[in-house]
Amino acid sequence: MPEADDAAAIEATVRDYFEGWFDADAARMDRALHMDLVKRRAGEELGVTTKERMVELTRAGEGVEDGKDRRLEIEIKDVYGDIATAAVRSAVYREYLHLVRTSEGWKIANALWELTPEAQEGAA
């Protein structure tokens, strides 16, 4: 089990990431992400999204539609020293996040995501 302080800080980082996306709040997104973020979508071609691109997309409001259903289930799977893993379930996304503790606090370094079946149906 993570220490309470770590758990709260990790959850706050994850909320900055998701709620920043939902609210087009680029400052929250920027705060949540490590400068060397690698974000990938599951599939044959993984692709890479960088921190710079995530902040740009957030600022443009790309995630606002996704925020209509604000449910977030955040499960901190493991914390070991300065690294952590979290699984996040939302109405639109399932994401597995790797976080790293920096001098500025916890930051998301890696993200692997996939749309939920409900979101895939809505996109069809």
Protein backbone atom coordinates (compact mmCIF):
# COMPACT_ATOMS: atom_id res chain seq x y z
CA MET A 1 0.00 0.00 0.00
CA PRO A 2 1.29 3.47 -0.81
CA GLU A 3 1.76 5.93 1.99
CA ALA A 4 -1.24 8.23 2.39
CA ASP A 5 0.73 11.31 1.25
CA ASP A 6 1.93 9.53 -1.90
CA ALA A 7 -1.53 8.16 -2.67
CA ALA A 8 -3.12 11.60 -2.35
CA ALA A 9 -0.42 13.24 -4.48
CA ILE A 10 -0.64 10.55 -7.17
CA GLU A 11 -4.43 10.82 -7.28
CA ALA A 12 -4.17 14.62 -7.55
CA THR A 13 -1.81 14.24 -10.52
CA VAL A 14 -4.16 11.80 -12.24
CA ARG A 15 -7.10 14.15 -11.62
CA ASP A 16 -5.13 17.08 -13.07
CA TYR A 17 -4.57 14.95 -16.18
CA PHE A 18 -8.16 13.79 -16.67
CA GLU A 19 -10.04 16.83 -15.36
CA GLY A 20 -7.62 19.13 -17.17
CA TRP A 21 -8.50 17.27 -20.39
CA PHE A 22 -12.23 17.45 -19.67
CA ASP A 23 -12.11 21.16 -18.76
CA ALA A 24 -9.66 22.34 -21.47
CA ASP A 25 -7.38 23.42 -18.61
CA ALA A 26 -3.91 23.39 -20.16
CA ALA A 27 -2.26 24.47 -16.89
CA ARG A 28 -3.56 21.36 -15.09
CA MET A 29 -2.51 19.12 -17.98
CA ASP A 30 0.94 20.71 -18.06
CA ARG A 31 1.32 20.24 -14.29
CA ALA A 32 0.43 16.51 -14.51
CA LEU A 33 2.81 15.48 -17.29
CA HIS A 34 6.52 14.75 -17.24
CA MET A 35 8.43 16.70 -19.89
CA ASP A 36 9.42 13.39 -21.53
CA LEU A 37 5.89 11.91 -21.57
CA VAL A 38 5.24 9.05 -23.96
CA LYS A 39 1.52 8.41 -24.46
CA ARG A 40 0.41 5.57 -26.70
CA ARG A 41 -2.93 4.24 -27.89
CA ALA A 42 -3.36 0.46 -27.94
CA GLY A 43 -3.44 -1.14 -31.38
CA GLU A 44 -1.26 -2.32 -34.24
CA GLU A 45 0.36 1.10 -34.61
CA LEU A 46 0.96 2.55 -31.19
CA GLY A 47 1.91 6.07 -32.21
CA VAL A 48 3.27 8.54 -29.69
CA THR A 49 1.74 11.65 -28.19
CA THR A 50 4.11 14.03 -26.40
CA LYS A 51 3.52 16.39 -23.50
CA GLU A 52 3.64 19.36 -25.87
CA ARG A 53 0.92 17.83 -28.05
CA MET A 54 -1.27 16.88 -25.08
CA VAL A 55 -1.12 20.43 -23.72
CA GLU A 56 -1.89 21.81 -27.19
CA LEU A 57 -4.89 19.48 -27.63
CA THR A 58 -6.12 20.31 -24.13
CA ARG A 59 -5.88 24.04 -24.78
CA ALA A 60 -7.89 23.53 -27.99
CA GLY A 61 -10.69 21.83 -26.01
CA GLU A 62 -10.36 18.42 -27.64
CA GLY A 63 -11.38 16.62 -24.42
CA VAL A 64 -14.39 18.72 -23.43
CA GLU A 65 -16.89 16.37 -25.07
CA ASP A 66 -15.26 13.45 -23.22
CA GLY A 67 -15.98 15.18 -19.91
CA LYS A 68 -19.77 14.96 -20.12
CA ASP A 69 -19.55 11.92 -17.84
CA ARG A 70 -17.06 12.85 -15.12
CA ARG A 71 -16.81 9.46 -13.41
CA LEU A 72 -13.23 8.49 -12.65
CA GLU A 73 -12.10 5.34 -10.91
CA ILE A 74 -8.44 5.69 -9.98
CA GLU A 75 -6.65 2.61 -8.67
CA ILE A 76 -3.07 2.99 -7.53
CA LYS A 77 -1.60 -0.41 -8.30
CA ASP A 78 1.89 0.02 -6.88
CA VAL A 79 4.28 2.58 -5.47
CA TYR A 80 7.95 1.77 -5.10
CA GLY A 81 10.29 4.57 -4.11
CA ASP A 82 9.99 7.20 -6.82
CA ILE A 83 7.84 5.21 -9.28
CA ALA A 84 4.16 4.31 -9.34
CA THR A 85 1.55 2.63 -11.51
CA ALA A 86 -2.12 3.59 -11.67
CA ALA A 87 -5.10 2.26 -13.61
CA VAL A 88 -7.86 4.70 -14.48
CA ARG A 89 -11.36 3.90 -15.66
CA SER A 90 -13.57 6.63 -17.05
CA ALA A 91 -16.66 6.56 -19.23
CA VAL A 92 -14.48 7.16 -22.31
CA TYR A 93 -11.01 5.82 -21.52
CA ARG A 94 -9.18 2.98 -19.84
CA GLU A 95 -5.61 4.09 -19.13
CA TYR A 96 -2.59 2.58 -17.48
CA LEU A 97 -0.24 5.25 -16.18
CA HIS A 98 3.35 5.14 -14.96
CA LEU A 99 4.30 8.04 -12.73
CA VAL A 100 7.64 9.28 -11.45
CA ARG A 101 8.35 11.45 -8.43
CA THR A 102 10.26 14.59 -9.46
CA SER A 103 11.43 17.66 -7.59
CA GLU A 104 8.08 19.20 -8.65
CA GLY A 105 6.01 16.25 -7.42
CA TRP A 106 4.49 13.23 -9.14
CA LYS A 107 4.36 13.39 -12.96
CA ILE A 108 2.91 11.03 -15.57
CA ALA A 109 5.79 9.64 -17.63
CA ASN A 110 4.02 6.90 -19.62
CA ALA A 111 0.41 6.34 -20.60
CA LEU A 112 -1.19 3.49 -22.53
CA TRP A 113 -4.86 3.96 -23.35
CA GLU A 114 -7.84 2.54 -25.16
CA LEU A 115 -11.40 3.74 -25.69
CA THR A 116 -14.11 2.01 -23.68
CA PRO A 117 -16.71 -0.03 -25.59
CA GLU A 118 -19.27 2.70 -24.87
CA ALA A 119 -17.02 5.37 -26.35
CA GLN A 120 -16.28 3.20 -29.39
CA GLU A 121 -20.03 2.78 -30.00
CA GLY A 122 -20.54 6.54 -29.73
CA ALA A 123 -17.73 7.16 -32.21
CA ALA A 124 -19.18 4.74 -34.77
